[in-house]
Amino acid sequence: MGELEFRKALFQAIHAKASLTPYLGDPKRVFDGVPRGAALPYATLEAVTTQLLTGHLDDGGRLTGSIGIYSRHADRAQTQEILQIFNELLEAGVTSSAGTEAAGLTMTETSCRRLSDGRTWYGRIKFSVLLQQTA
């Protein structure tokens, strides 16, 4: 179906995005799931689901997911700046490996709020993409 290929391509695109380095470090603090004890700020690929289009793996599917940003900056500005860079990255598109085509990538939500601890800002981008086999 290409979900794993898309996730790999997404991580490669994030790690290649130089404008994220001042925020997420080098190597970038980008994780698949929420890590324990990671330095802030960091980004994480959160819940990812894939729905088959026809019930057959070869016909492709719609992948939905979200990227979370965690920061302890004094205000929401840092989180919003990082969200903007991720928006630009997703708008440009993510190219998967040969054999899988990612089309129709849309962002369905962008949000930013302070968590209940009163110190941590949390930003999220929800997205959806159609994955189809090309080979």
Protein backbone atom coordinates (compact mmCIF):
# COMPACT_ATOMS: atom_id res chain seq x y z
CA MET A 1 0.00 0.00 0.00
CA GLY A 2 2.88 2.37 0.55
CA GLU A 3 2.23 3.56 4.12
CA LEU A 4 5.72 2.62 5.28
CA GLU A 5 7.27 4.15 2.17
CA PHE A 6 5.33 7.38 2.73
CA ARG A 7 6.36 7.56 6.38
CA LYS A 8 10.02 7.06 5.40
CA ALA A 9 9.72 9.74 2.72
CA LEU A 10 8.06 12.11 5.19
CA PHE A 11 10.88 11.67 7.71
CA GLN A 12 13.48 12.17 4.97
CA ALA A 13 11.76 15.39 3.84
CA ILE A 14 11.63 16.66 7.43
CA HIS A 15 15.31 15.87 8.05
CA ALA A 16 16.25 17.59 4.78
CA LYS A 17 14.34 20.80 5.66
CA ALA A 18 17.16 23.14 6.73
CA SER A 19 14.80 25.79 8.12
CA LEU A 20 13.78 23.36 10.89
CA THR A 21 17.36 23.00 12.20
CA PRO A 22 17.35 26.15 14.41
CA TYR A 23 14.25 24.82 16.15
CA LEU A 24 14.68 21.04 16.19
CA GLY A 25 18.48 20.77 16.24
CA ASP A 26 20.96 18.75 14.21
CA PRO A 27 20.18 15.90 14.06
CA LYS A 28 16.56 16.99 14.16
CA ARG A 29 14.44 15.96 17.11
CA VAL A 30 11.69 14.31 15.05
CA PHE A 31 10.23 11.09 16.37
CA ASP A 32 7.70 8.42 15.44
CA GLY A 33 5.67 8.59 18.63
CA VAL A 34 6.21 10.64 21.78
CA PRO A 35 9.66 9.97 23.28
CA ARG A 36 10.51 9.95 26.97
CA GLY A 37 12.87 12.69 28.11
CA ALA A 38 13.50 14.32 24.71
CA ALA A 39 14.80 17.89 24.72
CA LEU A 40 12.24 20.50 23.71
CA PRO A 41 11.20 21.61 21.18
CA TYR A 42 10.60 18.44 19.19
CA ALA A 43 8.20 17.08 16.58
CA THR A 44 6.49 13.72 16.50
CA LEU A 45 4.53 11.77 13.94
CA GLU A 46 1.40 10.91 15.85
CA ALA A 47 -1.54 8.64 15.03
CA VAL A 48 -1.46 7.36 11.46
CA THR A 49 -4.28 5.33 9.93
CA THR A 50 -4.79 3.94 6.46
CA GLN A 51 -8.15 3.15 4.93
CA LEU A 52 -8.23 0.93 1.85
CA LEU A 53 -9.96 2.48 -1.16
CA THR A 54 -11.51 -0.73 -2.48
CA GLY A 55 -10.63 -3.47 -0.04
CA HIS A 56 -7.60 -4.57 -2.10
CA LEU A 57 -4.08 -3.64 -1.03
CA ASP A 58 -2.95 -3.05 -4.62
CA ASP A 59 -5.62 -0.40 -5.22
CA GLY A 60 -4.15 1.99 -2.65
CA GLY A 61 -5.58 3.81 0.32
CA ARG A 62 -6.08 7.09 2.10
CA LEU A 63 -3.55 7.75 4.84
CA THR A 64 -4.48 10.21 7.58
CA GLY A 65 -2.10 11.36 10.25
CA SER A 66 -0.87 14.21 12.36
CA ILE A 67 2.40 15.84 13.31
CA GLY A 68 2.70 17.23 16.83
CA ILE A 69 5.05 19.99 17.96
CA TYR A 70 6.01 20.37 21.64
CA SER A 71 7.74 23.49 22.97
CA ARG A 72 8.34 25.27 26.27
CA HIS A 73 8.98 28.66 24.71
CA ALA A 74 7.55 31.58 26.70
CA ASP A 75 4.75 32.07 24.17
CA ARG A 76 3.17 30.27 21.22
CA ALA A 77 5.34 32.06 18.64
CA GLN A 78 7.97 29.30 18.37
CA THR A 79 5.35 26.60 17.96
CA GLN A 80 3.55 28.60 15.26
CA GLU A 81 6.83 29.20 13.39
CA ILE A 82 7.57 25.47 13.39
CA LEU A 83 3.99 24.71 12.28
CA GLN A 84 4.41 27.15 9.39
CA ILE A 85 7.55 25.34 8.21
CA PHE A 86 5.74 21.99 8.38
CA ASN A 87 2.83 23.50 6.42
CA GLU A 88 5.28 24.60 3.70
CA LEU A 89 6.88 21.14 3.65
CA LEU A 90 3.52 19.39 3.28
CA GLU A 91 2.25 21.88 0.66
CA ALA A 92 5.35 21.18 -1.46
CA GLY A 93 4.48 17.48 -1.34
CA VAL A 94 6.28 14.40 -0.12
CA THR A 95 7.79 12.11 -2.74
CA SER A 96 7.69 8.42 -1.87
CA SER A 97 10.01 5.77 -3.22
CA ALA A 98 9.47 4.20 -6.61
CA GLY A 99 6.30 2.16 -6.80
CA THR A 100 4.13 4.43 -4.65
CA GLU A 101 2.51 7.70 -5.62
CA ALA A 102 1.33 10.18 -2.99
CA ALA A 103 -1.39 12.44 -4.38
CA GLY A 104 -4.00 14.79 -3.01
CA LEU A 105 -2.13 15.69 0.15
CA THR A 106 -4.33 18.08 2.14
CA MET A 107 -4.00 19.60 5.56
CA THR A 108 -7.26 19.27 7.45
CA GLU A 109 -6.38 21.11 10.67
CA THR A 110 -3.66 23.25 12.21
CA SER A 111 -3.93 24.14 15.88
CA CYS A 112 -1.83 25.46 18.77
CA ARG A 113 -2.65 25.40 22.51
CA ARG A 114 -1.02 25.30 25.92
CA LEU A 115 -1.11 21.92 27.67
CA SER A 116 -2.51 21.42 31.17
CA ASP A 117 0.96 21.60 32.76
CA GLY A 118 0.88 25.34 32.00
CA ARG A 119 4.40 25.32 30.54
CA THR A 120 4.22 23.30 27.31
CA TRP A 121 2.86 24.52 23.99
CA TYR A 122 1.41 21.88 21.67
CA GLY A 123 0.86 22.45 17.97
CA ARG A 124 -0.67 19.95 15.57
CA ILE A 125 -1.11 19.56 11.84
CA LYS A 126 -3.57 16.93 10.64
CA PHE A 127 -3.17 15.75 7.07
CA SER A 128 -4.59 13.30 4.58
CA VAL A 129 -2.96 11.80 1.47
CA LEU A 130 -3.99 9.32 -1.20
CA LEU A 131 -1.45 6.52 -1.74
CA GLN A 132 -1.54 4.48 -4.92
CA GLN A 133 0.75 1.89 -6.45
CA THR A 134 2.43 3.02 -9.67
CA ALA A 135 4.22 -0.18 -10.63
